[in-house]
């Protein structure tokens, strides 16, 4: 947990100027992407005629994709201050929405 907080802190600090410019729009896009993943996963499982529990499981799996890989790619590209902001926002948003959905 400490490592995740450290990484998100570094990415956020590095991309402060970009975040101030596009932060609210980026947060909205990340939220829509996350919720779209839940919906797409659920509807895809329904289309495949899976039982309700399996549909919910697929929805959670699709909606809770790992933003760590995206952060690593941004780091390798040297674009943490711009490209790295989306996964830095996605992590906390993903955890909140996933917890709400699981409850």
PDB file of N, CA and C in Angstrom:
ATOM      1  N   UNK A   1       0.825  -1.188   0.000  1.00  0.00           N
ATOM      2  CA  UNK A   1       0.000   0.000   0.000  1.00  0.00           C
ATOM      3  C   UNK A   1       0.869   1.251   0.000  1.00  0.00           C
ATOM      4  N   UNK A   2       1.914   1.215   0.779  1.00  0.00           N
ATOM      5  CA  UNK A   2       2.830   2.358   0.822  1.00  0.00           C
ATOM      6  C   UNK A   2       3.491   2.604  -0.522  1.00  0.00           C
ATOM      7  N   UNK A   3       3.862   1.522  -1.204  1.00  0.00           N
ATOM      8  CA  UNK A   3       4.476   1.646  -2.522  1.00  0.00           C
ATOM      9  C   UNK A   3       3.534   2.274  -3.529  1.00  0.00           C
ATOM     10  N   UNK A   4       2.281   1.865  -3.482  1.00  0.00           N
ATOM     11  CA  UNK A   4       1.281   2.426  -4.400  1.00  0.00           C
ATOM     12  C   UNK A   4       1.093   3.910  -4.134  1.00  0.00           C
ATOM     13  N   UNK A   5       0.994   4.281  -2.871  1.00  0.00           N
ATOM     14  CA  UNK A   5       0.829   5.693  -2.514  1.00  0.00           C
ATOM     15  C   UNK A   5       2.039   6.502  -2.977  1.00  0.00           C
ATOM     16  N   UNK A   6       3.229   5.947  -2.811  1.00  0.00           N
ATOM     17  CA  UNK A   6       4.448   6.625  -3.248  1.00  0.00           C
ATOM     18  C   UNK A   6       4.449   6.837  -4.759  1.00  0.00           C
ATOM     19  N   UNK A   7       4.122   5.799  -5.516  1.00  0.00           N
ATOM     20  CA  UNK A   7       4.108   5.909  -6.972  1.00  0.00           C
ATOM     21  C   UNK A   7       3.078   6.931  -7.444  1.00  0.00           C
ATOM     22  N   UNK A   8       1.874   6.872  -6.895  1.00  0.00           N
ATOM     23  CA  UNK A   8       0.836   7.834  -7.284  1.00  0.00           C
ATOM     24  C   UNK A   8       1.253   9.247  -6.902  1.00  0.00           C
ATOM     25  N   UNK A   9       1.875   9.398  -5.750  1.00  0.00           N
ATOM     26  CA  UNK A   9       2.366  10.712  -5.327  1.00  0.00           C
ATOM     27  C   UNK A   9       3.413  11.277  -6.275  1.00  0.00           C
ATOM     28  N   UNK A  10       4.344  10.441  -6.701  1.00  0.00           N
ATOM     29  CA  UNK A  10       5.393  10.889  -7.634  1.00  0.00           C
ATOM     30  C   UNK A  10       4.788  11.273  -8.972  1.00  0.00           C
ATOM     31  N   UNK A  11       3.899  10.433  -9.491  1.00  0.00           N
ATOM     32  CA  UNK A  11       3.276  10.726 -10.781  1.00  0.00           C
ATOM     33  C   UNK A  11       2.463  12.019 -10.702  1.00  0.00           C
ATOM     34  N   UNK A  12       1.702  12.176  -9.633  1.00  0.00           N
ATOM     35  CA  UNK A  12       0.876  13.366  -9.474  1.00  0.00           C
ATOM     36  C   UNK A  12       1.738  14.622  -9.333  1.00  0.00           C
ATOM     37  N   UNK A  13       2.804  14.522  -8.571  1.00  0.00           N
ATOM     38  CA  UNK A  13       3.688  15.678  -8.405  1.00  0.00           C
ATOM     39  C   UNK A  13       4.385  16.037  -9.715  1.00  0.00           C
ATOM     40  N   UNK A  14       4.811  15.017 -10.449  1.00  0.00           N
ATOM     41  CA  UNK A  14       5.487  15.260 -11.719  1.00  0.00           C
ATOM     42  C   UNK A  14       4.541  15.890 -12.737  1.00  0.00           C
ATOM     43  N   UNK A  15       3.291  15.463 -12.729  1.00  0.00           N
ATOM     44  CA  UNK A  15       2.332  15.975 -13.709  1.00  0.00           C
ATOM     45  C   UNK A  15       1.407  17.037 -13.166  1.00  0.00           C
ATOM     46  N   UNK A  16       1.843  17.751 -12.150  1.00  0.00           N
ATOM     47  CA  UNK A  16       1.004  18.755 -11.492  1.00  0.00           C
ATOM     48  C   UNK A  16       0.401  19.751 -12.468  1.00  0.00           C
ATOM     49  N   UNK A  17       1.211  20.316 -13.327  1.00  0.00           N
ATOM     50  CA  UNK A  17       0.723  21.339 -14.272  1.00  0.00           C
ATOM     51  C   UNK A  17      -0.312  20.761 -15.232  1.00  0.00           C
ATOM     52  N   UNK A  18      -0.036  19.570 -15.752  1.00  0.00           N
ATOM     53  CA  UNK A  18      -0.996  18.930 -16.653  1.00  0.00           C
ATOM     54  C   UNK A  18      -2.279  18.583 -15.912  1.00  0.00           C
ATOM     55  N   UNK A  19      -2.143  18.138 -14.679  1.00  0.00           N
ATOM     56  CA  UNK A  19      -3.305  17.767 -13.881  1.00  0.00           C
ATOM     57  C   UNK A  19      -4.179  18.981 -13.588  1.00  0.00           C
ATOM     58  N   UNK A  20      -3.564  20.117 -13.321  1.00  0.00           N
ATOM     59  CA  UNK A  20      -4.338  21.337 -13.082  1.00  0.00           C
ATOM     60  C   UNK A  20      -5.090  21.765 -14.335  1.00  0.00           C
ATOM     61  N   UNK A  21      -4.530  21.481 -15.495  1.00  0.00           N
ATOM     62  CA  UNK A  21      -5.153  21.879 -16.758  1.00  0.00           C
ATOM     63  C   UNK A  21      -6.305  20.948 -17.145  1.00  0.00           C
ATOM     64  N   UNK A  22      -6.060  19.653 -17.083  1.00  0.00           N
ATOM     65  CA  UNK A  22      -7.043  18.686 -17.591  1.00  0.00           C
ATOM     66  C   UNK A  22      -7.610  17.774 -16.507  1.00  0.00           C
ATOM     67  N   UNK A  23      -7.332  18.048 -15.261  1.00  0.00           N
ATOM     68  CA  UNK A  23      -7.710  17.165 -14.159  1.00  0.00           C
ATOM     69  C   UNK A  23      -9.168  16.756 -14.103  1.00  0.00           C
ATOM     70  N   UNK A  24     -10.111  17.717 -14.057  1.00  0.00           N
ATOM     71  CA  UNK A  24     -11.521  17.321 -13.961  1.00  0.00           C
ATOM     72  C   UNK A  24     -12.001  16.504 -15.174  1.00  0.00           C
ATOM     73  N   UNK A  25     -11.602  16.899 -16.356  1.00  0.00           N
ATOM     74  CA  UNK A  25     -11.989  16.156 -17.551  1.00  0.00           C
ATOM     75  C   UNK A  25     -11.365  14.763 -17.556  1.00  0.00           C
ATOM     76  N   UNK A  26     -10.109  14.685 -17.153  1.00  0.00           N
ATOM     77  CA  UNK A  26      -9.430  13.393 -17.091  1.00  0.00           C
ATOM     78  C   UNK A  26     -10.094  12.482 -16.057  1.00  0.00           C
ATOM     79  N   UNK A  27     -10.452  13.030 -14.914  1.00  0.00           N
ATOM     80  CA  UNK A  27     -11.125  12.239 -13.879  1.00  0.00           C
ATOM     81  C   UNK A  27     -12.470  11.721 -14.385  1.00  0.00           C
ATOM     82  N   UNK A  28     -13.202  12.553 -15.119  1.00  0.00           N
ATOM     83  CA  UNK A  28     -14.477  12.128 -15.689  1.00  0.00           C
ATOM     84  C   UNK A  28     -14.268  11.006 -16.706  1.00  0.00           C
ATOM     85  N   UNK A  29     -13.273  11.155 -17.566  1.00  0.00           N
ATOM     86  CA  UNK A  29     -12.982  10.115 -18.562  1.00  0.00           C
ATOM     87  C   UNK A  29     -12.573   8.804 -17.899  1.00  0.00           C
ATOM     88  N   UNK A  30     -11.761   8.891 -16.872  1.00  0.00           N
ATOM     89  CA  UNK A  30     -11.325   7.684 -16.155  1.00  0.00           C
ATOM     90  C   UNK A  30     -12.523   7.004 -15.489  1.00  0.00           C
ATOM     91  N   UNK A  31     -13.407   7.793 -14.894  1.00  0.00           N
ATOM     92  CA  UNK A  31     -14.601   7.238 -14.260  1.00  0.00           C
ATOM     93  C   UNK A  31     -15.502   6.558 -15.296  1.00  0.00           C
ATOM     94  N   UNK A  32     -15.714   7.213 -16.435  1.00  0.00           N
ATOM     95  CA  UNK A  32     -16.542   6.618 -17.490  1.00  0.00           C
ATOM     96  C   UNK A  32     -15.906   5.340 -18.038  1.00  0.00           C
ATOM     97  N   UNK A  33     -14.590   5.331 -18.180  1.00  0.00           N
ATOM     98  CA  UNK A  33     -13.884   4.137 -18.646  1.00  0.00           C
ATOM     99  C   UNK A  33     -14.093   2.988 -17.662  1.00  0.00           C
ATOM    100  N   UNK A  34     -13.972   3.288 -16.387  1.00  0.00           N
ATOM    101  CA  UNK A  34     -14.141   2.274 -15.350  1.00  0.00           C
ATOM    102  C   UNK A  34     -15.566   1.730 -15.327  1.00  0.00           C
ATOM    103  N   UNK A  35     -16.547   2.614 -15.314  1.00  0.00           N
ATOM    104  CA  UNK A  35     -17.937   2.185 -15.280  1.00  0.00           C
ATOM    105  C   UNK A  35     -18.316   1.460 -16.570  1.00  0.00           C
ATOM    106  N   UNK A  36     -17.752   1.909 -17.694  1.00  0.00           N
ATOM    107  CA  UNK A  36     -17.979   1.224 -18.967  1.00  0.00           C
ATOM    108  C   UNK A  36     -17.441  -0.193 -18.935  1.00  0.00           C
ATOM    109  N   UNK A  37     -16.308  -0.390 -18.276  1.00  0.00           N
ATOM    110  CA  UNK A  37     -15.745  -1.731 -18.132  1.00  0.00           C
ATOM    111  C   UNK A  37     -16.664  -2.649 -17.341  1.00  0.00           C
ATOM    112  N   UNK A  38     -17.244  -2.126 -16.264  1.00  0.00           N
ATOM    113  CA  UNK A  38     -18.201  -2.916 -15.487  1.00  0.00           C
ATOM    114  C   UNK A  38     -19.404  -3.301 -16.359  1.00  0.00           C
ATOM    115  N   UNK A  39     -19.941  -2.314 -17.053  1.00  0.00           N
ATOM    116  CA  UNK A  39     -21.126  -2.547 -17.879  1.00  0.00           C
ATOM    117  C   UNK A  39     -20.827  -3.508 -19.033  1.00  0.00           C
ATOM    118  N   UNK A  40     -19.724  -3.275 -19.738  1.00  0.00           N
ATOM    119  CA  UNK A  40     -19.349  -4.133 -20.860  1.00  0.00           C
ATOM    120  C   UNK A  40     -19.103  -5.570 -20.403  1.00  0.00           C
ATOM    121  N   UNK A  41     -18.430  -5.726 -19.294  1.00  0.00           N
ATOM    122  CA  UNK A  41     -18.175  -7.060 -18.757  1.00  0.00           C
ATOM    123  C   UNK A  41     -19.457  -7.777 -18.397  1.00  0.00           C
ATOM    124  N   UNK A  42     -20.358  -7.073 -17.756  1.00  0.00           N
ATOM    125  CA  UNK A  42     -21.622  -7.683 -17.346  1.00  0.00           C
ATOM    126  C   UNK A  42     -22.467  -8.070 -18.559  1.00  0.00           C
ATOM    127  N   UNK A  43     -22.614  -7.135 -19.500  1.00  0.00           N
ATOM    128  CA  UNK A  43     -23.450  -7.400 -20.674  1.00  0.00           C
ATOM    129  C   UNK A  43     -22.850  -8.485 -21.562  1.00  0.00           C
ATOM    130  N   UNK A  44     -21.531  -8.526 -21.656  1.00  0.00           N
ATOM    131  CA  UNK A  44     -20.881  -9.575 -22.451  1.00  0.00           C
ATOM    132  C   UNK A  44     -21.132 -10.952 -21.840  1.00  0.00           C
ATOM    133  N   UNK A  45     -21.036 -11.024 -20.527  1.00  0.00           N
ATOM    134  CA  UNK A  45     -21.294 -12.294 -19.845  1.00  0.00           C
ATOM    135  C   UNK A  45     -22.759 -12.702 -19.988  1.00  0.00           C
ATOM    136  N   UNK A  46     -23.669 -11.731 -19.920  1.00  0.00           N
ATOM    137  CA  UNK A  46     -25.095 -12.012 -20.127  1.00  0.00           C
ATOM    138  C   UNK A  46     -25.335 -12.539 -21.530  1.00  0.00           C
ATOM    139  N   UNK A  47     -24.665 -11.918 -22.530  1.00  0.00           N
ATOM    140  CA  UNK A  47     -24.818 -12.341 -23.928  1.00  0.00           C
ATOM    141  C   UNK A  47     -24.329 -13.775 -24.127  1.00  0.00           C
ATOM    142  N   UNK A  48     -23.354 -14.184 -23.314  1.00  0.00           N
ATOM    143  CA  UNK A  48     -22.843 -15.550 -23.380  1.00  0.00           C
ATOM    144  C   UNK A  48     -23.660 -16.515 -22.520  1.00  0.00           C
ATOM    145  N   UNK A  49     -24.767 -15.989 -21.958  1.00  0.00           N
ATOM    146  CA  UNK A  49     -25.705 -16.777 -21.156  1.00  0.00           C
ATOM    147  C   UNK A  49     -25.075 -17.404 -19.904  1.00  0.00           C
ATOM    148  N   UNK A  50     -24.201 -16.638 -19.261  1.00  0.00           N
ATOM    149  CA  UNK A  50     -23.632 -17.095 -17.996  1.00  0.00           C
ATOM    150  C   UNK A  50     -24.634 -16.826 -16.878  1.00  0.00           C
ATOM    151  N   UNK A  51     -24.485 -17.555 -15.778  1.00  0.00           N
ATOM    152  CA  UNK A  51     -25.371 -17.328 -14.630  1.00  0.00           C
ATOM    153  C   UNK A  51     -25.057 -15.968 -13.998  1.00  0.00           C
ATOM    154  N   UNK A  52     -25.961 -15.500 -13.143  1.00  0.00           N
ATOM    155  CA  UNK A  52     -25.844 -14.151 -12.565  1.00  0.00           C
ATOM    156  C   UNK A  52     -24.544 -13.947 -11.789  1.00  0.00           C
ATOM    157  N   UNK A  53     -24.155 -14.919 -10.997  1.00  0.00           N
ATOM    158  CA  UNK A  53     -22.924 -14.785 -10.217  1.00  0.00           C
ATOM    159  C   UNK A  53     -21.713 -14.659 -11.140  1.00  0.00           C
ATOM    160  N   UNK A  54     -21.679 -15.429 -12.211  1.00  0.00           N
ATOM    161  CA  UNK A  54     -20.572 -15.344 -13.167  1.00  0.00           C
ATOM    162  C   UNK A  54     -20.580 -14.005 -13.898  1.00  0.00           C
ATOM    163  N   UNK A  55     -21.779 -13.503 -14.222  1.00  0.00           N
ATOM    164  CA  UNK A  55     -21.885 -12.190 -14.881  1.00  0.00           C
ATOM    165  C   UNK A  55     -21.306 -11.091 -13.998  1.00  0.00           C
ATOM    166  N   UNK A  56     -21.617 -11.151 -12.722  1.00  0.00           N
ATOM    167  CA  UNK A  56     -21.088 -10.156 -11.788  1.00  0.00           C
ATOM    168  C   UNK A  56     -19.572 -10.282 -11.633  1.00  0.00           C
ATOM    169  N   UNK A  57     -19.099 -11.518 -11.608  1.00  0.00           N
ATOM    170  CA  UNK A  57     -17.653 -11.747 -11.496  1.00  0.00           C
ATOM    171  C   UNK A  57     -16.914 -11.195 -12.706  1.00  0.00           C
ATOM    172  N   UNK A  58     -17.436 -11.448 -13.899  1.00  0.00           N
ATOM    173  CA  UNK A  58     -16.811 -10.935 -15.122  1.00  0.00           C
ATOM    174  C   UNK A  58     -16.838  -9.409 -15.123  1.00  0.00           C
ATOM    175  N   UNK A  59     -17.956  -8.826 -14.699  1.00  0.00           N
ATOM    176  CA  UNK A  59     -18.065  -7.365 -14.645  1.00  0.00           C
ATOM    177  C   UNK A  59     -16.988  -6.769 -13.747  1.00  0.00           C
ATOM    178  N   UNK A  60     -16.783  -7.365 -12.584  1.00  0.00           N
ATOM    179  CA  UNK A  60     -15.776  -6.853 -11.655  1.00  0.00           C
ATOM    180  C   UNK A  60     -14.373  -7.042 -12.235  1.00  0.00           C
ATOM    181  N   UNK A  61     -14.121  -8.180 -12.853  1.00  0.00           N
ATOM    182  CA  UNK A  61     -12.798  -8.430 -13.451  1.00  0.00           C
ATOM    183  C   UNK A  61     -12.480  -7.438 -14.563  1.00  0.00           C
ATOM    184  N   UNK A  62     -13.464  -7.160 -15.399  1.00  0.00           N
ATOM    185  CA  UNK A  62     -13.232  -6.237 -16.516  1.00  0.00           C
ATOM    186  C   UNK A  62     -13.107  -4.805 -15.997  1.00  0.00           C
ATOM    187  N   UNK A  63     -13.950  -4.428 -15.044  1.00  0.00           N
ATOM    188  CA  UNK A  63     -13.929  -3.062 -14.522  1.00  0.00           C
ATOM    189  C   UNK A  63     -12.718  -2.739 -13.668  1.00  0.00           C
ATOM    190  N   UNK A  64     -12.099  -3.744 -13.063  1.00  0.00           N
ATOM    191  CA  UNK A  64     -10.976  -3.509 -12.162  1.00  0.00           C
ATOM    192  C   UNK A  64      -9.648  -3.886 -12.817  1.00  0.00           C
ATOM    193  N   UNK A  65      -9.432  -3.404 -13.998  1.00  0.00           N
ATOM    194  CA  UNK A  65      -8.167  -3.686 -14.680  1.00  0.00           C
ATOM    195  C   UNK A  65      -7.036  -2.913 -14.004  1.00  0.00           C
ATOM    196  N   UNK A  66      -5.850  -3.428 -14.093  1.00  0.00           N
ATOM    197  CA  UNK A  66      -4.689  -2.896 -13.388  1.00  0.00           C
ATOM    198  C   UNK A  66      -4.121  -1.656 -14.075  1.00  0.00           C
ATOM    199  N   UNK A  67      -4.111  -0.549 -13.354  1.00  0.00           N
ATOM    200  CA  UNK A  67      -3.513   0.673 -13.863  1.00  0.00           C
ATOM    201  C   UNK A  67      -2.005   0.692 -13.701  1.00  0.00           C
ATOM    202  N   UNK A  68      -1.458  -0.277 -12.972  1.00  0.00           N
ATOM    203  CA  UNK A  68      -0.009  -0.345 -12.763  1.00  0.00           C
ATOM    204  C   UNK A  68       0.757  -0.551 -14.058  1.00  0.00           C
ATOM    205  N   UNK A  69       0.221  -1.364 -14.944  1.00  0.00           N
ATOM    206  CA  UNK A  69       0.872  -1.590 -16.233  1.00  0.00           C
ATOM    207  C   UNK A  69       0.942  -0.293 -17.027  1.00  0.00           C
ATOM    208  N   UNK A  70      -0.139   0.465 -17.025  1.00  0.00           N
ATOM    209  CA  UNK A  70      -0.148   1.737 -17.743  1.00  0.00           C
ATOM    210  C   UNK A  70       0.863   2.713 -17.143  1.00  0.00           C
ATOM    211  N   UNK A  71       1.009   2.697 -15.838  1.00  0.00           N
ATOM    212  CA  UNK A  71       2.014   3.556 -15.195  1.00  0.00           C
ATOM    213  C   UNK A  71       3.419   3.148 -15.617  1.00  0.00           C
ATOM    214  N   UNK A  72       3.671   1.839 -15.667  1.00  0.00           N
ATOM    215  CA  UNK A  72       4.972   1.339 -16.093  1.00  0.00           C
ATOM    216  C   UNK A  72       5.291   1.715 -17.530  1.00  0.00           C
ATOM    217  N   UNK A  73       4.296   1.619 -18.402  1.00  0.00           N
ATOM    218  CA  UNK A  73       4.490   1.999 -19.805  1.00  0.00           C
ATOM    219  C   UNK A  73       4.795   3.491 -19.899  1.00  0.00           C
ATOM    220  N   UNK A  74       4.060   4.309 -19.160  1.00  0.00           N
ATOM    221  CA  UNK A  74       4.307   5.753 -19.171  1.00  0.00           C
ATOM    222  C   UNK A  74       5.719   6.061 -18.687  1.00  0.00           C
ATOM    223  N   UNK A  75       6.176   5.333 -17.681  1.00  0.00           N
ATOM    224  CA  UNK A  75       7.526   5.530 -17.161  1.00  0.00           C
ATOM    225  C   UNK A  75       8.567   5.167 -18.210  1.00  0.00           C
ATOM    226  N   UNK A  76       8.371   4.040 -18.894  1.00  0.00           N
ATOM    227  CA  UNK A  76       9.315   3.603 -19.924  1.00  0.00           C
ATOM    228  C   UNK A  76       9.354   4.576 -21.099  1.00  0.00           C
ATOM    229  N   UNK A  77       8.220   5.191 -21.402  1.00  0.00           N
ATOM    230  CA  UNK A  77       8.157   6.163 -22.490  1.00  0.00           C
ATOM    231  C   UNK A  77       8.705   7.528 -22.072  1.00  0.00           C
ATOM    232  N   UNK A  78       8.923   7.703 -20.770  1.00  0.00           N
ATOM    233  CA  UNK A  78       9.402   8.987 -20.269  1.00  0.00           C
ATOM    234  C   UNK A  78       8.317  10.049 -20.258  1.00  0.00           C
ATOM    235  N   UNK A  79       7.075   9.633 -20.158  1.00  0.00           N
ATOM    236  CA  UNK A  79       5.954  10.569 -20.193  1.00  0.00           C
ATOM    237  C   UNK A  79       5.071  10.445 -18.947  1.00  0.00           C
ATOM    238  N   UNK A  80       5.697  10.288 -17.815  1.00  0.00           N
ATOM    239  CA  UNK A  80       4.949  10.126 -16.571  1.00  0.00           C
ATOM    240  C   UNK A  80       4.110  11.360 -16.270  1.00  0.00           C
ATOM    241  N   UNK A  81       4.623  12.540 -16.608  1.00  0.00           N
ATOM    242  CA  UNK A  81       3.921  13.788 -16.292  1.00  0.00           C
ATOM    243  C   UNK A  81       2.649  13.966 -17.109  1.00  0.00           C
ATOM    244  N   UNK A  82       2.527  13.253 -18.216  1.00  0.00           N
ATOM    245  CA  UNK A  82       1.312  13.385 -19.026  1.00  0.00           C
ATOM    246  C   UNK A  82       0.572  12.054 -19.134  1.00  0.00           C
ATOM    247  N   UNK A  83       1.179  11.075 -19.740  1.00  0.00           N
ATOM    248  CA  UNK A  83       0.547   9.771 -19.938  1.00  0.00           C
ATOM    249  C   UNK A  83       0.305   9.061 -18.605  1.00  0.00           C
ATOM    250  N   UNK A  84       1.143   9.293 -17.638  1.00  0.00           N
ATOM    251  CA  UNK A  84       1.028   8.626 -16.344  1.00  0.00           C
ATOM    252  C   UNK A  84      -0.093   9.128 -15.461  1.00  0.00           C
ATOM    253  N   UNK A  85      -0.705  10.250 -15.824  1.00  0.00           N
ATOM    254  CA  UNK A  85      -1.766  10.794 -14.978  1.00  0.00           C
ATOM    255  C   UNK A  85      -3.034   9.940 -14.997  1.00  0.00           C
ATOM    256  N   UNK A  86      -3.382   9.403 -16.148  1.00  0.00           N
ATOM    257  CA  UNK A  86      -4.604   8.591 -16.230  1.00  0.00           C
ATOM    258  C   UNK A  86      -4.541   7.372 -15.314  1.00  0.00           C
ATOM    259  N   UNK A  87      -3.464   6.580 -15.362  1.00  0.00           N
ATOM    260  CA  UNK A  87      -3.433   5.446 -14.436  1.00  0.00           C
ATOM    261  C   UNK A  87      -3.315   5.873 -12.968  1.00  0.00           C
ATOM    262  N   UNK A  88      -2.704   7.033 -12.722  1.00  0.00           N
ATOM    263  CA  UNK A  88      -2.608   7.514 -11.340  1.00  0.00           C
ATOM    264  C   UNK A  88      -3.992   7.853 -10.793  1.00  0.00           C
ATOM    265  N   UNK A  89      -4.869   8.361 -11.636  1.00  0.00           N
ATOM    266  CA  UNK A  89      -6.241   8.634 -11.218  1.00  0.00           C
ATOM    267  C   UNK A  89      -7.090   7.360 -11.229  1.00  0.00           C
ATOM    268  N   UNK A  90      -6.788   6.474 -12.162  1.00  0.00           N
ATOM    269  CA  UNK A  90      -7.584   5.267 -12.319  1.00  0.00           C
ATOM    270  C   UNK A  90      -7.522   4.372 -11.077  1.00  0.00           C
ATOM    271  N   UNK A  91      -6.357   4.265 -10.474  1.00  0.00           N
ATOM    272  CA  UNK A  91      -6.201   3.396  -9.297  1.00  0.00           C
ATOM    273  C   UNK A  91      -7.178   3.712  -8.182  1.00  0.00           C
ATOM    274  N   UNK A  92      -7.174   4.931  -7.674  1.00  0.00           N
ATOM    275  CA  UNK A  92      -8.115   5.250  -6.589  1.00  0.00           C
ATOM    276  C   UNK A  92      -9.582   5.171  -7.026  1.00  0.00           C
ATOM    277  N   UNK A  93      -9.881   5.644  -8.248  1.00  0.00           N
ATOM    278  CA  UNK A  93     -11.263   5.596  -8.724  1.00  0.00           C
ATOM    279  C   UNK A  93     -11.717   4.144  -8.850  1.00  0.00           C
ATOM    280  N   UNK A  94     -10.843   3.305  -9.399  1.00  0.00           N
ATOM    281  CA  UNK A  94     -11.151   1.888  -9.570  1.00  0.00           C
ATOM    282  C   UNK A  94     -11.442   1.230  -8.216  1.00  0.00           C
ATOM    283  N   UNK A  95     -10.668   1.553  -7.212  1.00  0.00           N
ATOM    284  CA  UNK A  95     -10.866   0.957  -5.890  1.00  0.00           C
ATOM    285  C   UNK A  95     -12.173   1.394  -5.247  1.00  0.00           C
ATOM    286  N   UNK A  96     -12.524   2.658  -5.420  1.00  0.00           N
ATOM    287  CA  UNK A  96     -13.777   3.156  -4.837  1.00  0.00           C
ATOM    288  C   UNK A  96     -14.975   2.549  -5.547  1.00  0.00           C
ATOM    289  N   UNK A  97     -15.001   2.605  -6.883  1.00  0.00           N
ATOM    290  CA  UNK A  97     -16.155   2.072  -7.612  1.00  0.00           C
ATOM    291  C   UNK A  97     -16.255   0.555  -7.453  1.00  0.00           C
ATOM    292  N   UNK A  98     -15.128  -0.129  -7.443  1.00  0.00           N
ATOM    293  CA  UNK A  98     -15.152  -1.579  -7.256  1.00  0.00           C
ATOM    294  C   UNK A  98     -15.691  -1.968  -5.897  1.00  0.00           C
ATOM    295  N   UNK A  99     -15.297  -1.234  -4.860  1.00  0.00           N
ATOM    296  CA  UNK A  99     -15.803  -1.496  -3.513  1.00  0.00           C
ATOM    297  C   UNK A  99     -17.293  -1.257  -3.419  1.00  0.00           C
ATOM    298  N   UNK A 100     -17.744  -0.193  -4.054  1.00  0.00           N
ATOM    299  CA  UNK A 100     -19.189   0.107  -4.048  1.00  0.00           C
ATOM    300  C   UNK A 100     -19.958  -0.990  -4.764  1.00  0.00           C
ATOM    301  N   UNK A 101     -19.457  -1.405  -5.926  1.00  0.00           N
ATOM    302  CA  UNK A 101     -20.135  -2.449  -6.693  1.00  0.00           C
ATOM    303  C   UNK A 101     -20.134  -3.782  -5.944  1.00  0.00           C
ATOM    304  N   UNK A 102     -19.021  -4.112  -5.326  1.00  0.00           N
ATOM    305  CA  UNK A 102     -18.935  -5.376  -4.594  1.00  0.00           C
ATOM    306  C   UNK A 102     -19.865  -5.397  -3.382  1.00  0.00           C
ATOM    307  N   UNK A 103     -20.085  -4.226  -2.807  1.00  0.00           N
ATOM    308  CA  UNK A 103     -20.987  -4.142  -1.646  1.00  0.00           C
ATOM    309  C   UNK A 103     -22.424  -4.327  -2.081  1.00  0.00           C
TER     310      UNK A 103
END
